Amino acid sequence: MRSVNLRDAKTKLSALVDAAQHGESVTITKHGKPAAVIVPLALAEKWMSKKPNFADFLMSFPGEGVEFERNTSAGRDFEF
């Protein structure tokens, strides 16, 4: 994977997108440190499909038949 600084990426964006369409990934650096990556769409879709969203995670909780032991200790003492 090649690397390009941000200034060059701005001037060569069209070429970088063409490279991504042909399967090449490019790292964009800012002040010498990696800041972003341009990847082919198929690769990005593959990565994104692996990440479950939070709603799906919550819906996967078994719920029924699962019991939790309640913590009966006082969390804080409030005086009113």
C-alpha atoms as a PDB file:
ATOM      1  CA  MET A   1       0.000   0.000   0.000  1.00  0.00           C
ATOM      2  CA  ARG A   2       1.461   3.305  -0.983  1.00  0.00           C
ATOM      3  CA  SER A   3       1.266   6.497   1.015  1.00  0.00           C
ATOM      4  CA  VAL A   4       0.544  10.034  -0.109  1.00  0.00           C
ATOM      5  CA  ASN A   5       0.673  13.249   1.894  1.00  0.00           C
ATOM      6  CA  LEU A   6      -2.518  15.270   2.220  1.00  0.00           C
ATOM      7  CA  ARG A   7      -1.455  18.047  -0.149  1.00  0.00           C
ATOM      8  CA  ASP A   8      -0.711  15.550  -2.928  1.00  0.00           C
ATOM      9  CA  ALA A   9      -3.943  13.677  -2.203  1.00  0.00           C
ATOM     10  CA  LYS A  10      -5.919  16.889  -2.719  1.00  0.00           C
ATOM     11  CA  THR A  11      -4.349  17.508  -6.109  1.00  0.00           C
ATOM     12  CA  LYS A  12      -4.452  13.854  -7.212  1.00  0.00           C
ATOM     13  CA  LEU A  13      -7.808  12.756  -5.766  1.00  0.00           C
ATOM     14  CA  SER A  14      -9.152  11.620  -9.125  1.00  0.00           C
ATOM     15  CA  ALA A  15      -6.086   9.411  -9.699  1.00  0.00           C
ATOM     16  CA  LEU A  16      -6.354   7.985  -6.183  1.00  0.00           C
ATOM     17  CA  VAL A  17     -10.017   7.089  -6.740  1.00  0.00           C
ATOM     18  CA  ASP A  18      -9.084   5.428 -10.050  1.00  0.00           C
ATOM     19  CA  ALA A  19      -6.404   3.431  -8.231  1.00  0.00           C
ATOM     20  CA  ALA A  20      -8.962   2.322  -5.630  1.00  0.00           C
ATOM     21  CA  GLN A  21     -11.297   1.212  -8.407  1.00  0.00           C
ATOM     22  CA  HIS A  22      -8.479  -0.992  -9.675  1.00  0.00           C
ATOM     23  CA  GLY A  23      -7.960  -2.602  -6.254  1.00  0.00           C
ATOM     24  CA  GLU A  24      -5.182  -0.453  -4.795  1.00  0.00           C
ATOM     25  CA  SER A  25      -5.363   0.967  -1.278  1.00  0.00           C
ATOM     26  CA  VAL A  26      -3.660   4.290  -0.508  1.00  0.00           C
ATOM     27  CA  THR A  27      -2.800   5.749   2.896  1.00  0.00           C
ATOM     28  CA  ILE A  28      -3.120   9.530   3.249  1.00  0.00           C
ATOM     29  CA  THR A  29      -0.730  11.081   5.742  1.00  0.00           C
ATOM     30  CA  LYS A  30      -0.976  14.363   7.600  1.00  0.00           C
ATOM     31  CA  HIS A  31       2.205  15.776   9.117  1.00  0.00           C
ATOM     32  CA  GLY A  32       3.902  12.453   8.366  1.00  0.00           C
ATOM     33  CA  LYS A  33       1.375  10.337  10.296  1.00  0.00           C
ATOM     34  CA  PRO A  34      -1.309   8.094   8.755  1.00  0.00           C
ATOM     35  CA  ALA A  35      -4.660   9.912   8.843  1.00  0.00           C
ATOM     36  CA  ALA A  36      -6.936   8.129   6.363  1.00  0.00           C
ATOM     37  CA  VAL A  37      -7.061   5.321   3.849  1.00  0.00           C
ATOM     38  CA  ILE A  38      -8.697   5.150   0.443  1.00  0.00           C
ATOM     39  CA  VAL A  39      -9.703   1.546  -0.220  1.00  0.00           C
ATOM     40  CA  PRO A  40     -11.626  -0.236  -2.968  1.00  0.00           C
ATOM     41  CA  LEU A  41     -15.379  -0.226  -2.367  1.00  0.00           C
ATOM     42  CA  ALA A  42     -15.582  -4.023  -2.138  1.00  0.00           C
ATOM     43  CA  LEU A  43     -13.029  -4.032   0.669  1.00  0.00           C
ATOM     44  CA  ALA A  44     -14.811  -1.241   2.553  1.00  0.00           C
ATOM     45  CA  GLU A  45     -18.158  -3.055   2.273  1.00  0.00           C
ATOM     46  CA  LYS A  46     -16.522  -6.240   3.573  1.00  0.00           C
ATOM     47  CA  TRP A  47     -15.145  -4.386   6.627  1.00  0.00           C
ATOM     48  CA  MET A  48     -18.392  -2.558   7.299  1.00  0.00           C
ATOM     49  CA  SER A  49     -20.466  -5.724   7.144  1.00  0.00           C
ATOM     50  CA  LYS A  50     -18.386  -7.243   9.960  1.00  0.00           C
ATOM     51  CA  LYS A  51     -19.316  -4.507  12.434  1.00  0.00           C
ATOM     52  CA  PRO A  52     -22.630  -5.159  14.168  1.00  0.00           C
ATOM     53  CA  ASN A  53     -24.655  -2.088  14.926  1.00  0.00           C
ATOM     54  CA  PHE A  54     -25.669  -1.342  18.511  1.00  0.00           C
ATOM     55  CA  ALA A  55     -29.393  -1.996  17.938  1.00  0.00           C
ATOM     56  CA  ASP A  56     -28.678  -5.492  16.588  1.00  0.00           C
ATOM     57  CA  PHE A  57     -26.427  -6.141  19.572  1.00  0.00           C
ATOM     58  CA  LEU A  58     -29.197  -5.161  22.003  1.00  0.00           C
ATOM     59  CA  MET A  59     -31.777  -7.231  20.150  1.00  0.00           C
ATOM     60  CA  SER A  60     -29.520 -10.296  20.370  1.00  0.00           C
ATOM     61  CA  PHE A  61     -29.760 -10.307  24.181  1.00  0.00           C
ATOM     62  CA  PRO A  62     -31.559 -13.524  25.192  1.00  0.00           C
ATOM     63  CA  GLY A  63     -33.725 -11.770  27.812  1.00  0.00           C
ATOM     64  CA  GLU A  64     -36.275 -14.419  28.789  1.00  0.00           C
ATOM     65  CA  GLY A  65     -35.101 -17.047  31.232  1.00  0.00           C
ATOM     66  CA  VAL A  66     -31.997 -15.111  32.172  1.00  0.00           C
ATOM     67  CA  GLU A  67     -31.898 -13.912  35.736  1.00  0.00           C
ATOM     68  CA  PHE A  68     -29.399 -11.578  37.279  1.00  0.00           C
ATOM     69  CA  GLU A  69     -28.476 -11.415  40.918  1.00  0.00           C
ATOM     70  CA  ARG A  70     -29.387  -8.005  42.274  1.00  0.00           C
ATOM     71  CA  ASN A  71     -26.739  -6.029  44.104  1.00  0.00           C
ATOM     72  CA  THR A  72     -28.420  -5.028  47.375  1.00  0.00           C
ATOM     73  CA  SER A  73     -25.592  -2.898  48.742  1.00  0.00           C
ATOM     74  CA  ALA A  74     -26.235   0.814  49.058  1.00  0.00           C
ATOM     75  CA  GLY A  75     -24.647   2.677  46.185  1.00  0.00           C
ATOM     76  CA  ARG A  76     -24.649   6.090  47.824  1.00  0.00           C
ATOM     77  CA  ASP A  77     -26.055   7.536  50.977  1.00  0.00           C
ATOM     78  CA  PHE A  78     -28.211  10.568  50.286  1.00  0.00           C
ATOM     79  CA  GLU A  79     -29.399  12.880  53.001  1.00  0.00           C
ATOM     80  CA  PHE A  80     -32.384  15.103  52.317  1.00  0.00           C
END
